[in-house]
Amino acid sequence: MACSGLTGNFWGFFCLYAIPFGTLGGVPFLMPMYLGKLHFPNNKGLISGICLAGGGFGAFIYSLFIFAIVNPDNKKPSELGSDGNYYFAGET
């Protein structure tokens, strides 16, 4: 990821960031879906849905933990920046 940020053009960024992370983001779904379809040949759609829903639900739960770590006091952004976005105090 650091190398992709240092590239000076779009195609370098695309080759070092988009292709590897897109591919590696989808690979973990292949094995559970393959094995699920192998063991439940009559319910291939259900197994695919369960695998994909498990990945989405895991990301949802993980985001709650990350939010609790990053913002443990549940502070709200209060300062309005010149670009119209709200920021935390001292961030602008």
PDB file of N, CA and C in Angstrom:
ATOM      1  N   MET A   1       0.833  -1.181   0.000  1.00  0.00           N
ATOM      2  CA  MET A   1       0.000   0.000   0.000  1.00  0.00           C
ATOM      3  C   MET A   1       0.879   1.246   0.000  1.00  0.00           C
ATOM      4  N   ALA A   2       1.964   1.204   0.730  1.00  0.00           N
ATOM      5  CA  ALA A   2       2.851   2.363   0.782  1.00  0.00           C
ATOM      6  C   ALA A   2       3.483   2.632  -0.577  1.00  0.00           C
ATOM      7  N   CYS A   3       3.868   1.587  -1.285  1.00  0.00           N
ATOM      8  CA  CYS A   3       4.471   1.766  -2.611  1.00  0.00           C
ATOM      9  C   CYS A   3       3.465   2.341  -3.594  1.00  0.00           C
ATOM     10  N   SER A   4       2.214   1.948  -3.493  1.00  0.00           N
ATOM     11  CA  SER A   4       1.216   2.478  -4.423  1.00  0.00           C
ATOM     12  C   SER A   4       0.985   3.967  -4.198  1.00  0.00           C
ATOM     13  N   GLY A   5       1.145   4.433  -2.970  1.00  0.00           N
ATOM     14  CA  GLY A   5       0.991   5.855  -2.693  1.00  0.00           C
ATOM     15  C   GLY A   5       2.151   6.689  -3.209  1.00  0.00           C
ATOM     16  N   LEU A   6       3.282   6.064  -3.461  1.00  0.00           N
ATOM     17  CA  LEU A   6       4.454   6.790  -3.937  1.00  0.00           C
ATOM     18  C   LEU A   6       4.525   6.893  -5.452  1.00  0.00           C
ATOM     19  N   THR A   7       3.673   6.156  -6.134  1.00  0.00           N
ATOM     20  CA  THR A   7       3.703   6.229  -7.596  1.00  0.00           C
ATOM     21  C   THR A   7       3.183   7.585  -8.051  1.00  0.00           C
ATOM     22  N   GLY A   8       3.668   8.021  -9.180  1.00  0.00           N
ATOM     23  CA  GLY A   8       3.278   9.332  -9.675  1.00  0.00           C
ATOM     24  C   GLY A   8       2.199   9.308 -10.730  1.00  0.00           C
ATOM     25  N   ASN A   9       1.754   8.113 -11.126  1.00  0.00           N
ATOM     26  CA  ASN A   9       0.738   8.062 -12.165  1.00  0.00           C
ATOM     27  C   ASN A   9      -0.372   7.081 -11.807  1.00  0.00           C
ATOM     28  N   PHE A  10      -1.433   7.160 -12.570  1.00  0.00           N
ATOM     29  CA  PHE A  10      -2.613   6.343 -12.290  1.00  0.00           C
ATOM     30  C   PHE A  10      -2.343   4.861 -12.491  1.00  0.00           C
ATOM     31  N   TRP A  11      -1.658   4.504 -13.571  1.00  0.00           N
ATOM     32  CA  TRP A  11      -1.469   3.091 -13.883  1.00  0.00           C
ATOM     33  C   TRP A  11      -0.541   2.405 -12.883  1.00  0.00           C
ATOM     34  N   GLY A  12       0.428   3.118 -12.365  1.00  0.00           N
ATOM     35  CA  GLY A  12       1.261   2.547 -11.307  1.00  0.00           C
ATOM     36  C   GLY A  12       0.451   2.277 -10.064  1.00  0.00           C
ATOM     37  N   PHE A  13      -0.397   3.230  -9.711  1.00  0.00           N
ATOM     38  CA  PHE A  13      -1.276   3.041  -8.565  1.00  0.00           C
ATOM     39  C   PHE A  13      -2.230   1.878  -8.805  1.00  0.00           C
ATOM     40  N   PHE A  14      -2.784   1.807  -9.993  1.00  0.00           N
ATOM     41  CA  PHE A  14      -3.721   0.744 -10.341  1.00  0.00           C
ATOM     42  C   PHE A  14      -3.058  -0.626 -10.227  1.00  0.00           C
ATOM     43  N   CYS A  15      -1.840  -0.750 -10.728  1.00  0.00           N
ATOM     44  CA  CYS A  15      -1.149  -2.039 -10.705  1.00  0.00           C
ATOM     45  C   CYS A  15      -0.689  -2.442  -9.306  1.00  0.00           C
ATOM     46  N   LEU A  16      -0.333  -1.468  -8.477  1.00  0.00           N
ATOM     47  CA  LEU A  16       0.175  -1.791  -7.143  1.00  0.00           C
ATOM     48  C   LEU A  16      -0.891  -1.795  -6.056  1.00  0.00           C
ATOM     49  N   TYR A  17      -2.063  -1.231  -6.321  1.00  0.00           N
ATOM     50  CA  TYR A  17      -3.091  -1.165  -5.281  1.00  0.00           C
ATOM     51  C   TYR A  17      -4.370  -1.870  -5.701  1.00  0.00           C
ATOM     52  N   ALA A  18      -4.955  -1.437  -6.791  1.00  0.00           N
ATOM     53  CA  ALA A  18      -6.279  -1.923  -7.158  1.00  0.00           C
ATOM     54  C   ALA A  18      -6.286  -3.409  -7.509  1.00  0.00           C
ATOM     55  N   ILE A  19      -5.353  -3.847  -8.304  1.00  0.00           N
ATOM     56  CA  ILE A  19      -5.346  -5.254  -8.706  1.00  0.00           C
ATOM     57  C   ILE A  19      -5.044  -6.181  -7.527  1.00  0.00           C
ATOM     58  N   PRO A  20      -3.962  -5.965  -6.758  1.00  0.00           N
ATOM     59  CA  PRO A  20      -3.696  -6.890  -5.647  1.00  0.00           C
ATOM     60  C   PRO A  20      -4.776  -6.871  -4.564  1.00  0.00           C
ATOM     61  N   PHE A  21      -5.236  -5.710  -4.159  1.00  0.00           N
ATOM     62  CA  PHE A  21      -6.214  -5.661  -3.076  1.00  0.00           C
ATOM     63  C   PHE A  21      -7.590  -6.137  -3.537  1.00  0.00           C
ATOM     64  N   GLY A  22      -7.931  -5.891  -4.777  1.00  0.00           N
ATOM     65  CA  GLY A  22      -9.189  -6.408  -5.298  1.00  0.00           C
ATOM     66  C   GLY A  22      -9.174  -7.922  -5.391  1.00  0.00           C
ATOM     67  N   THR A  23      -8.073  -8.460  -5.861  1.00  0.00           N
ATOM     68  CA  THR A  23      -7.949  -9.911  -5.982  1.00  0.00           C
ATOM     69  C   THR A  23      -7.889 -10.569  -4.614  1.00  0.00           C
ATOM     70  N   LEU A  24      -7.047 -10.056  -3.742  1.00  0.00           N
ATOM     71  CA  LEU A  24      -6.899 -10.659  -2.417  1.00  0.00           C
ATOM     72  C   LEU A  24      -8.129 -10.440  -1.537  1.00  0.00           C
ATOM     73  N   GLY A  25      -8.946  -9.449  -1.855  1.00  0.00           N
ATOM     74  CA  GLY A  25     -10.190  -9.259  -1.119  1.00  0.00           C
ATOM     75  C   GLY A  25     -11.235 -10.297  -1.475  1.00  0.00           C
ATOM     76  N   GLY A  26     -11.187 -10.839  -2.684  1.00  0.00           N
ATOM     77  CA  GLY A  26     -12.161 -11.828  -3.108  1.00  0.00           C
ATOM     78  C   GLY A  26     -11.734 -13.263  -2.904  1.00  0.00           C
ATOM     79  N   VAL A  27     -10.457 -13.515  -2.773  1.00  0.00           N
ATOM     80  CA  VAL A  27      -9.949 -14.885  -2.641  1.00  0.00           C
ATOM     81  C   VAL A  27     -10.483 -15.602  -1.394  1.00  0.00           C
ATOM     82  N   PRO A  28     -10.613 -14.961  -0.230  1.00  0.00           N
ATOM     83  CA  PRO A  28     -11.104 -15.699   0.941  1.00  0.00           C
ATOM     84  C   PRO A  28     -12.522 -16.250   0.790  1.00  0.00           C
ATOM     85  N   PHE A  29     -13.294 -15.747  -0.159  1.00  0.00           N
ATOM     86  CA  PHE A  29     -14.640 -16.267  -0.357  1.00  0.00           C
ATOM     87  C   PHE A  29     -14.661 -17.527  -1.213  1.00  0.00           C
ATOM     88  N   LEU A  30     -13.589 -17.805  -1.947  1.00  0.00           N
ATOM     89  CA  LEU A  30     -13.599 -18.914  -2.879  1.00  0.00           C
ATOM     90  C   LEU A  30     -13.676 -20.273  -2.191  1.00  0.00           C
ATOM     91  N   MET A  31     -12.849 -20.520  -1.198  1.00  0.00           N
ATOM     92  CA  MET A  31     -12.804 -21.830  -0.568  1.00  0.00           C
ATOM     93  C   MET A  31     -14.091 -22.166   0.183  1.00  0.00           C
ATOM     94  N   PRO A  32     -14.638 -21.279   1.035  1.00  0.00           N
ATOM     95  CA  PRO A  32     -15.900 -21.640   1.702  1.00  0.00           C
ATOM     96  C   PRO A  32     -17.045 -21.867   0.715  1.00  0.00           C
ATOM     97  N   MET A  33     -17.088 -21.072  -0.349  1.00  0.00           N
ATOM     98  CA  MET A  33     -18.164 -21.258  -1.321  1.00  0.00           C
ATOM     99  C   MET A  33     -17.987 -22.563  -2.089  1.00  0.00           C
ATOM    100  N   TYR A  34     -16.779 -22.881  -2.445  1.00  0.00           N
ATOM    101  CA  TYR A  34     -16.532 -24.139  -3.154  1.00  0.00           C
ATOM    102  C   TYR A  34     -16.891 -25.341  -2.284  1.00  0.00           C
ATOM    103  N   LEU A  35     -16.419 -25.343  -1.046  1.00  0.00           N
ATOM    104  CA  LEU A  35     -16.702 -26.469  -0.167  1.00  0.00           C
ATOM    105  C   LEU A  35     -18.183 -26.552   0.194  1.00  0.00           C
ATOM    106  N   GLY A  36     -18.821 -25.399   0.368  1.00  0.00           N
ATOM    107  CA  GLY A  36     -20.252 -25.409   0.657  1.00  0.00           C
ATOM    108  C   GLY A  36     -21.056 -25.971  -0.493  1.00  0.00           C
ATOM    109  N   LYS A  37     -20.714 -25.579  -1.709  1.00  0.00           N
ATOM    110  CA  LYS A  37     -21.416 -26.111  -2.881  1.00  0.00           C
ATOM    111  C   LYS A  37     -21.107 -27.588  -3.088  1.00  0.00           C
ATOM    112  N   LEU A  38     -19.917 -28.016  -2.702  1.00  0.00           N
ATOM    113  CA  LEU A  38     -19.536 -29.413  -2.824  1.00  0.00           C
ATOM    114  C   LEU A  38     -20.341 -30.288  -1.856  1.00  0.00           C
ATOM    115  N   HIS A  39     -20.543 -29.807  -0.636  1.00  0.00           N
ATOM    116  CA  HIS A  39     -21.247 -30.596   0.378  1.00  0.00           C
ATOM    117  C   HIS A  39     -22.758 -30.442   0.319  1.00  0.00           C
ATOM    118  N   PHE A  40     -23.259 -29.364  -0.257  1.00  0.00           N
ATOM    119  CA  PHE A  40     -24.698 -29.135  -0.372  1.00  0.00           C
ATOM    120  C   PHE A  40     -25.049 -28.814  -1.831  1.00  0.00           C
ATOM    121  N   PRO A  41     -24.989 -29.806  -2.717  1.00  0.00           N
ATOM    122  CA  PRO A  41     -25.197 -29.530  -4.144  1.00  0.00           C
ATOM    123  C   PRO A  41     -26.622 -29.076  -4.478  1.00  0.00           C
ATOM    124  N   ASN A  42     -27.587 -29.364  -3.641  1.00  0.00           N
ATOM    125  CA  ASN A  42     -28.971 -28.969  -3.911  1.00  0.00           C
ATOM    126  C   ASN A  42     -29.286 -27.568  -3.404  1.00  0.00           C
ATOM    127  N   ASN A  43     -28.403 -26.978  -2.633  1.00  0.00           N
ATOM    128  CA  ASN A  43     -28.630 -25.649  -2.046  1.00  0.00           C
ATOM    129  C   ASN A  43     -27.469 -24.704  -2.339  1.00  0.00           C
ATOM    130  N   LYS A  44     -27.055 -24.645  -3.586  1.00  0.00           N
ATOM    131  CA  LYS A  44     -25.893 -23.823  -3.943  1.00  0.00           C
ATOM    132  C   LYS A  44     -26.139 -22.338  -3.695  1.00  0.00           C
ATOM    133  N   GLY A  45     -27.340 -21.866  -3.997  1.00  0.00           N
ATOM    134  CA  GLY A  45     -27.653 -20.449  -3.782  1.00  0.00           C
ATOM    135  C   GLY A  45     -27.677 -20.081  -2.315  1.00  0.00           C
ATOM    136  N   LEU A  46     -28.231 -20.953  -1.495  1.00  0.00           N
ATOM    137  CA  LEU A  46     -28.281 -20.704  -0.053  1.00  0.00           C
ATOM    138  C   LEU A  46     -26.878 -20.653   0.538  1.00  0.00           C
ATOM    139  N   ILE A  47     -26.043 -21.581   0.139  1.00  0.00           N
ATOM    140  CA  ILE A  47     -24.667 -21.619   0.656  1.00  0.00           C
ATOM    141  C   ILE A  47     -23.896 -20.375   0.218  1.00  0.00           C
ATOM    142  N   SER A  48     -24.068 -19.967  -1.029  1.00  0.00           N
ATOM    143  CA  SER A  48     -23.391 -18.754  -1.497  1.00  0.00           C
ATOM    144  C   SER A  48     -23.853 -17.540  -0.706  1.00  0.00           C
ATOM    145  N   GLY A  49     -25.149 -17.447  -0.457  1.00  0.00           N
ATOM    146  CA  GLY A  49     -25.688 -16.332   0.320  1.00  0.00           C
ATOM    147  C   GLY A  49     -25.184 -16.314   1.742  1.00  0.00           C
ATOM    148  N   ILE A  50     -25.094 -17.480   2.360  1.00  0.00           N
ATOM    149  CA  ILE A  50     -24.593 -17.556   3.739  1.00  0.00           C
ATOM    150  C   ILE A  50     -23.127 -17.130   3.795  1.00  0.00           C
ATOM    151  N   CYS A  51     -22.321 -17.579   2.826  1.00  0.00           N
ATOM    152  CA  CYS A  51     -20.897 -17.204   2.804  1.00  0.00           C
ATOM    153  C   CYS A  51     -20.729 -15.697   2.620  1.00  0.00           C
ATOM    154  N   LEU A  52     -21.467 -15.113   1.702  1.00  0.00           N
ATOM    155  CA  LEU A  52     -21.335 -13.681   1.450  1.00  0.00           C
ATOM    156  C   LEU A  52     -21.915 -12.852   2.604  1.00  0.00           C
ATOM    157  N   ALA A  53     -23.017 -13.327   3.178  1.00  0.00           N
ATOM    158  CA  ALA A  53     -23.590 -12.616   4.324  1.00  0.00           C
ATOM    159  C   ALA A  53     -22.652 -12.691   5.530  1.00  0.00           C
ATOM    160  N   GLY A  54     -21.977 -13.813   5.702  1.00  0.00           N
ATOM    161  CA  GLY A  54     -21.010 -13.935   6.791  1.00  0.00           C
ATOM    162  C   GLY A  54     -19.873 -12.951   6.649  1.00  0.00           C
ATOM    163  N   GLY A  55     -19.399 -12.758   5.426  1.00  0.00           N
ATOM    164  CA  GLY A  55     -18.336 -11.771   5.196  1.00  0.00           C
ATOM    165  C   GLY A  55     -18.808 -10.356   5.465  1.00  0.00           C
ATOM    166  N   GLY A  56     -20.009 -10.027   5.027  1.00  0.00           N
ATOM    167  CA  GLY A  56     -20.558  -8.690   5.259  1.00  0.00           C
ATOM    168  C   GLY A  56     -20.851  -8.438   6.722  1.00  0.00           C
ATOM    169  N   PHE A  57     -21.415  -9.439   7.402  1.00  0.00           N
ATOM    170  CA  PHE A  57     -21.724  -9.280   8.823  1.00  0.00           C
ATOM    171  C   PHE A  57     -20.449  -9.177   9.650  1.00  0.00           C
ATOM    172  N   GLY A  58     -19.416  -9.911   9.249  1.00  0.00           N
ATOM    173  CA  GLY A  58     -18.130  -9.813   9.941  1.00  0.00           C
ATOM    174  C   GLY A  58     -17.530  -8.419   9.818  1.00  0.00           C
ATOM    175  N   ALA A  59     -17.639  -7.826   8.637  1.00  0.00           N
ATOM    176  CA  ALA A  59     -17.138  -6.462   8.441  1.00  0.00           C
ATOM    177  C   ALA A  59     -17.941  -5.470   9.276  1.00  0.00           C
ATOM    178  N   PHE A  60     -19.249  -5.689   9.391  1.00  0.00           N
ATOM    179  CA  PHE A  60     -20.093  -4.811  10.200  1.00  0.00           C
ATOM    180  C   PHE A  60     -19.688  -4.861  11.672  1.00  0.00           C
ATOM    181  N   ILE A  61     -19.509  -6.050  12.201  1.00  0.00           N
ATOM    182  CA  ILE A  61     -19.109  -6.204  13.616  1.00  0.00           C
ATOM    183  C   ILE A  61     -17.711  -5.635  13.833  1.00  0.00           C
ATOM    184  N   TYR A  62     -16.794  -5.908  12.906  1.00  0.00           N
ATOM    185  CA  TYR A  62     -15.427  -5.409  13.023  1.00  0.00           C
ATOM    186  C   TYR A  62     -15.400  -3.879  13.036  1.00  0.00           C
ATOM    187  N   SER A  63     -16.247  -3.244  12.231  1.00  0.00           N
ATOM    188  CA  SER A  63     -16.269  -1.779  12.194  1.00  0.00           C
ATOM    189  C   SER A  63     -16.728  -1.195  13.518  1.00  0.00           C
ATOM    190  N   LEU A  64     -17.614  -1.881  14.229  1.00  0.00           N
ATOM    191  CA  LEU A  64     -18.037  -1.396  15.554  1.00  0.00           C
ATOM    192  C   LEU A  64     -16.882  -1.433  16.547  1.00  0.00           C
ATOM    193  N   PHE A  65     -16.084  -2.497  16.500  1.00  0.00           N
ATOM    194  CA  PHE A  65     -14.919  -2.589  17.387  1.00  0.00           C
ATOM    195  C   PHE A  65     -13.887  -1.517  17.050  1.00  0.00           C
ATOM    196  N   ILE A  66     -13.639  -1.295  15.779  1.00  0.00           N
ATOM    197  CA  ILE A  66     -12.671  -0.282  15.372  1.00  0.00           C
ATOM    198  C   ILE A  66     -13.143   1.104  15.799  1.00  0.00           C
ATOM    199  N   PHE A  67     -14.445   1.389  15.643  1.00  0.00           N
ATOM    200  CA  PHE A  67     -14.973   2.683  16.069  1.00  0.00           C
ATOM    201  C   PHE A  67     -14.785   2.865  17.576  1.00  0.00           C
ATOM    202  N   ALA A  68     -14.987   1.811  18.352  1.00  0.00           N
ATOM    203  CA  ALA A  68     -14.807   1.891  19.803  1.00  0.00           C
ATOM    204  C   ALA A  68     -13.341   2.125  20.172  1.00  0.00           C
ATOM    205  N   ILE A  69     -12.417   1.618  19.377  1.00  0.00           N
ATOM    206  CA  ILE A  69     -10.996   1.821  19.651  1.00  0.00           C
ATOM    207  C   ILE A  69     -10.569   3.233  19.255  1.00  0.00           C
ATOM    208  N   VAL A  70     -11.014   3.694  18.097  1.00  0.00           N
ATOM    209  CA  VAL A  70     -10.587   4.993  17.574  1.00  0.00           C
ATOM    210  C   VAL A  70     -11.253   6.144  18.302  1.00  0.00           C
ATOM    211  N   ASN A  71     -12.525   6.002  18.655  1.00  0.00           N
ATOM    212  CA  ASN A  71     -13.279   7.079  19.295  1.00  0.00           C
ATOM    213  C   ASN A  71     -13.979   6.527  20.546  1.00  0.00           C
ATOM    214  N   PRO A  72     -13.212   6.209  21.609  1.00  0.00           N
ATOM    215  CA  PRO A  72     -13.801   5.554  22.775  1.00  0.00           C
ATOM    216  C   PRO A  72     -14.797   6.427  23.549  1.00  0.00           C
ATOM    217  N   ASP A  73     -14.669   7.745  23.480  1.00  0.00           N
ATOM    218  CA  ASP A  73     -15.572   8.631  24.208  1.00  0.00           C
ATOM    219  C   ASP A  73     -16.784   9.040  23.372  1.00  0.00           C
ATOM    220  N   ASN A  74     -16.881   8.534  22.155  1.00  0.00           N
ATOM    221  CA  ASN A  74     -17.983   8.813  21.240  1.00  0.00           C
ATOM    222  C   ASN A  74     -18.179  10.318  21.024  1.00  0.00           C
ATOM    223  N   LYS A  75     -17.069  11.014  20.824  1.00  0.00           N
ATOM    224  CA  LYS A  75     -17.136  12.456  20.590  1.00  0.00           C
ATOM    225  C   LYS A  75     -17.638  12.724  19.179  1.00  0.00           C
ATOM    226  N   LYS A  76     -18.356  13.816  19.034  1.00  0.00           N
ATOM    227  CA  LYS A  76     -18.881  14.234  17.738  1.00  0.00           C
ATOM    228  C   LYS A  76     -18.004  15.346  17.173  1.00  0.00           C
ATOM    229  N   PRO A  77     -17.797  15.386  15.860  1.00  0.00           N
ATOM    230  CA  PRO A  77     -17.054  16.498  15.273  1.00  0.00           C
ATOM    231  C   PRO A  77     -17.846  17.788  15.435  1.00  0.00           C
ATOM    232  N   SER A  78     -17.156  18.855  15.800  1.00  0.00           N
ATOM    233  CA  SER A  78     -17.878  20.084  16.125  1.00  0.00           C
ATOM    234  C   SER A  78     -17.446  21.297  15.317  1.00  0.00           C
ATOM    235  N   GLU A  79     -16.249  21.315  14.814  1.00  0.00           N
ATOM    236  CA  GLU A  79     -15.763  22.506  14.104  1.00  0.00           C
ATOM    237  C   GLU A  79     -16.076  22.389  12.623  1.00  0.00           C
ATOM    238  N   LEU A  80     -16.676  23.418  12.065  1.00  0.00           N
ATOM    239  CA  LEU A  80     -16.972  23.471  10.646  1.00  0.00           C
ATOM    240  C   LEU A  80     -15.774  24.043   9.912  1.00  0.00           C
ATOM    241  N   GLY A  81     -15.215  23.260   8.985  1.00  0.00           N
ATOM    242  CA  GLY A  81     -14.063  23.714   8.221  1.00  0.00           C
ATOM    243  C   GLY A  81     -14.465  24.602   7.065  1.00  0.00           C
ATOM    244  N   SER A  82     -13.479  25.181   6.420  1.00  0.00           N
ATOM    245  CA  SER A  82     -13.747  26.086   5.298  1.00  0.00           C
ATOM    246  C   SER A  82     -14.323  25.341   4.093  1.00  0.00           C
ATOM    247  N   ASP A  83     -14.148  24.010   4.062  1.00  0.00           N
ATOM    248  CA  ASP A  83     -14.680  23.228   2.950  1.00  0.00           C
ATOM    249  C   ASP A  83     -16.099  22.721   3.206  1.00  0.00           C
ATOM    250  N   GLY A  84     -16.690  23.085   4.334  1.00  0.00           N
ATOM    251  CA  GLY A  84     -18.059  22.687   4.639  1.00  0.00           C
ATOM    252  C   GLY A  84     -18.170  21.374   5.386  1.00  0.00           C
ATOM    253  N   ASN A  85     -17.043  20.725   5.687  1.00  0.00           N
ATOM    254  CA  ASN A  85     -17.057  19.474   6.446  1.00  0.00           C
ATOM    255  C   ASN A  85     -16.790  19.752   7.915  1.00  0.00           C
ATOM    256  N   TYR A  86     -17.306  18.871   8.770  1.00  0.00           N
ATOM    257  CA  TYR A  86     -17.072  19.007  10.203  1.00  0.00           C
ATOM    258  C   TYR A  86     -15.818  18.230  10.594  1.00  0.00           C
ATOM    259  N   TYR A  87     -15.062  18.809  11.539  1.00  0.00           N
ATOM    260  CA  TYR A  87     -13.828  18.203  12.021  1.00  0.00           C
ATOM    261  C   TYR A  87     -13.826  18.188  13.539  1.00  0.00           C
ATOM    262  N   PHE A  88     -12.966  17.326  14.103  1.00  0.00           N
ATOM    263  CA  PHE A  88     -12.780  17.333  15.540  1.00  0.00           C
ATOM    264  C   PHE A  88     -11.928  18.523  15.935  1.00  0.00           C
ATOM    265  N   ALA A  89     -12.025  18.966  17.163  1.00  0.00           N
ATOM    266  CA  ALA A  89     -11.274  20.122  17.643  1.00  0.00           C
ATOM    267  C   ALA A  89      -9.770  19.892  17.484  1.00  0.00           C
ATOM    268  N   GLY A  90      -9.094  20.855  16.917  1.00  0.00           N
ATOM    269  CA  GLY A  90      -7.644  20.754  16.728  1.00  0.00           C
ATOM    270  C   GLY A  90      -7.227  19.978  15.508  1.00  0.00           C
ATOM    271  N   GLU A  91      -8.152  19.504  14.708  1.00  0.00           N
ATOM    272  CA  GLU A  91      -7.803  18.692  13.553  1.00  0.00           C
ATOM    273  C   GLU A  91      -7.559  19.509  12.298  1.00  0.00           C
ATOM    274  N   THR A  92      -8.164  20.685  12.208  1.00  0.00           N
ATOM    275  CA  THR A  92      -8.043  21.491  10.978  1.00  0.00           C
ATOM    276  C   THR A  92      -6.749  22.243  10.915  1.00  0.00           C
TER     277      THR A  92
END
